[in-house]
Amino acid sequence: MEDPIVQALLATHPSLGRVLRPLHTMLGLRYPPSIKRPKSTKPRPKRIRKPKRQPSFMDQYKINPDGSIDFTPEQLHEILGPPPPPVPPWHQPFIPSFNVKKLWRKGP
């Protein structure tokens, strides 16, 4: 790097420092002043910070220690919509009813 030809080449083509810097790093050498990066005159841009955490969707509900959620009737209506209309009796499932005492036989 002390060779006058290399010094003249770096003076005319400063971009050669970009090639030589990684080579010096790989060999574990310190940069000579001729290939050090010049100090930037521009100020660094300010870091863009993430916006603060928005309130979670679940913050509006009360979560119990066992993991269950207590909903108010208004919240249930908002989530599920209006309750379904009542089912007429002819659409309800047929469940036969019987008297156990009549069916129970005494003895063999």
Protein backbone atom coordinates (compact mmCIF):
# COMPACT_ATOMS: atom_id res chain seq x y z
CA MET A 1 0.00 0.00 0.00
CA GLU A 2 3.01 2.28 0.38
CA ASP A 3 3.88 1.84 -3.29
CA PRO A 4 3.69 5.23 -5.10
CA ILE A 5 1.87 3.65 -8.04
CA VAL A 6 -0.89 2.32 -5.75
CA GLN A 7 -1.06 5.71 -3.98
CA ALA A 8 -1.43 7.50 -7.33
CA LEU A 9 -4.04 4.99 -8.47
CA LEU A 10 -6.06 5.47 -5.25
CA ALA A 11 -5.78 9.27 -5.63
CA THR A 12 -7.22 9.13 -9.15
CA HIS A 13 -9.75 6.33 -8.46
CA PRO A 14 -10.96 6.48 -4.86
CA SER A 15 -13.50 3.75 -5.64
CA LEU A 16 -10.64 1.21 -5.50
CA GLY A 17 -10.79 1.61 -1.74
CA ARG A 18 -14.14 -0.17 -1.90
CA VAL A 19 -12.37 -3.23 -3.32
CA LEU A 20 -9.39 -3.06 -0.96
CA ARG A 21 -11.28 -2.53 2.31
CA PRO A 22 -12.86 -6.05 2.40
CA LEU A 23 -9.49 -7.53 1.43
CA HIS A 24 -7.84 -5.82 4.39
CA THR A 25 -10.63 -7.03 6.66
CA MET A 26 -10.23 -10.65 5.49
CA LEU A 27 -6.47 -10.51 6.07
CA GLY A 28 -6.94 -8.90 9.48
CA LEU A 29 -5.06 -5.73 8.56
CA ARG A 30 -5.87 -2.16 9.57
CA TYR A 31 -7.00 0.20 6.87
CA PRO A 32 -4.37 2.66 5.74
CA PRO A 33 -5.58 6.28 5.68
CA SER A 34 -5.68 6.23 1.89
CA ILE A 35 -8.55 3.68 1.72
CA LYS A 36 -10.55 4.71 4.78
CA ARG A 37 -14.04 5.86 4.00
CA PRO A 38 -14.45 9.61 4.10
CA LYS A 39 -16.67 10.99 6.86
CA SER A 40 -20.16 11.67 5.64
CA THR A 41 -21.21 15.31 5.56
CA LYS A 42 -24.90 14.43 5.50
CA PRO A 43 -26.64 13.99 8.82
CA ARG A 44 -27.92 10.49 9.48
CA PRO A 45 -31.65 10.08 8.92
CA LYS A 46 -33.64 9.76 12.09
CA ARG A 47 -34.68 6.26 12.96
CA ILE A 48 -38.33 5.59 12.27
CA ARG A 49 -39.88 4.32 15.44
CA LYS A 50 -42.66 1.80 15.46
CA PRO A 51 -45.98 3.21 16.57
CA LYS A 52 -47.03 2.32 20.07
CA ARG A 53 -48.97 -0.89 20.42
CA GLN A 54 -52.58 -0.49 19.47
CA PRO A 55 -55.09 -1.81 21.99
CA SER A 56 -55.78 -5.43 21.27
CA PHE A 57 -59.13 -6.60 19.98
CA MET A 58 -59.41 -8.80 23.07
CA ASP A 59 -58.86 -5.90 25.50
CA GLN A 60 -62.57 -5.07 25.32
CA TYR A 61 -63.52 -8.44 26.86
CA LYS A 62 -63.05 -9.63 30.42
CA ILE A 63 -60.87 -12.75 30.40
CA ASN A 64 -61.12 -14.97 33.47
CA PRO A 65 -58.11 -16.77 35.00
CA ASP A 66 -59.31 -20.10 33.56
CA GLY A 67 -59.30 -18.61 30.04
CA SER A 68 -63.06 -18.22 29.64
CA ILE A 69 -64.50 -14.89 28.53
CA ASP A 70 -67.45 -13.10 30.11
CA PHE A 71 -69.55 -11.31 27.51
CA THR A 72 -72.17 -8.69 28.21
CA PRO A 73 -75.51 -9.16 26.42
CA GLU A 74 -74.66 -6.20 24.18
CA GLN A 75 -71.35 -7.78 23.16
CA LEU A 76 -73.05 -11.09 22.42
CA HIS A 77 -75.66 -9.34 20.29
CA GLU A 78 -72.86 -7.52 18.45
CA ILE A 79 -70.87 -10.72 17.84
CA LEU A 80 -73.67 -13.19 17.09
CA GLY A 81 -76.34 -10.89 15.72
CA PRO A 82 -80.00 -11.06 16.73
CA PRO A 83 -81.29 -14.32 18.22
CA PRO A 84 -82.93 -16.72 15.75
CA PRO A 85 -86.72 -16.76 15.50
CA PRO A 86 -88.51 -19.41 17.56
CA VAL A 87 -88.98 -22.80 15.89
CA PRO A 88 -92.63 -23.78 15.29
CA PRO A 89 -93.75 -27.01 16.99
CA TRP A 90 -94.10 -28.95 13.69
CA HIS A 91 -90.38 -28.34 13.00
CA GLN A 92 -89.16 -29.46 16.40
CA PRO A 93 -87.63 -32.92 16.63
CA PHE A 94 -89.94 -35.69 17.78
CA ILE A 95 -88.97 -37.12 21.16
CA PRO A 96 -91.22 -40.02 22.12
CA SER A 97 -92.39 -39.94 25.69
CA PHE A 98 -93.20 -43.04 27.65
CA ASN A 99 -94.11 -43.98 31.17
CA VAL A 100 -91.38 -46.02 32.85
CA LYS A 101 -93.78 -47.46 35.43
CA LYS A 102 -95.99 -49.00 32.72
CA LEU A 103 -93.01 -50.54 30.95
CA TRP A 104 -91.45 -51.95 34.11
CA ARG A 105 -92.33 -55.59 34.57
CA LYS A 106 -92.47 -57.11 37.98
CA GLY A 107 -90.55 -60.31 38.38
CA PRO A 108 -89.66 -62.89 35.74
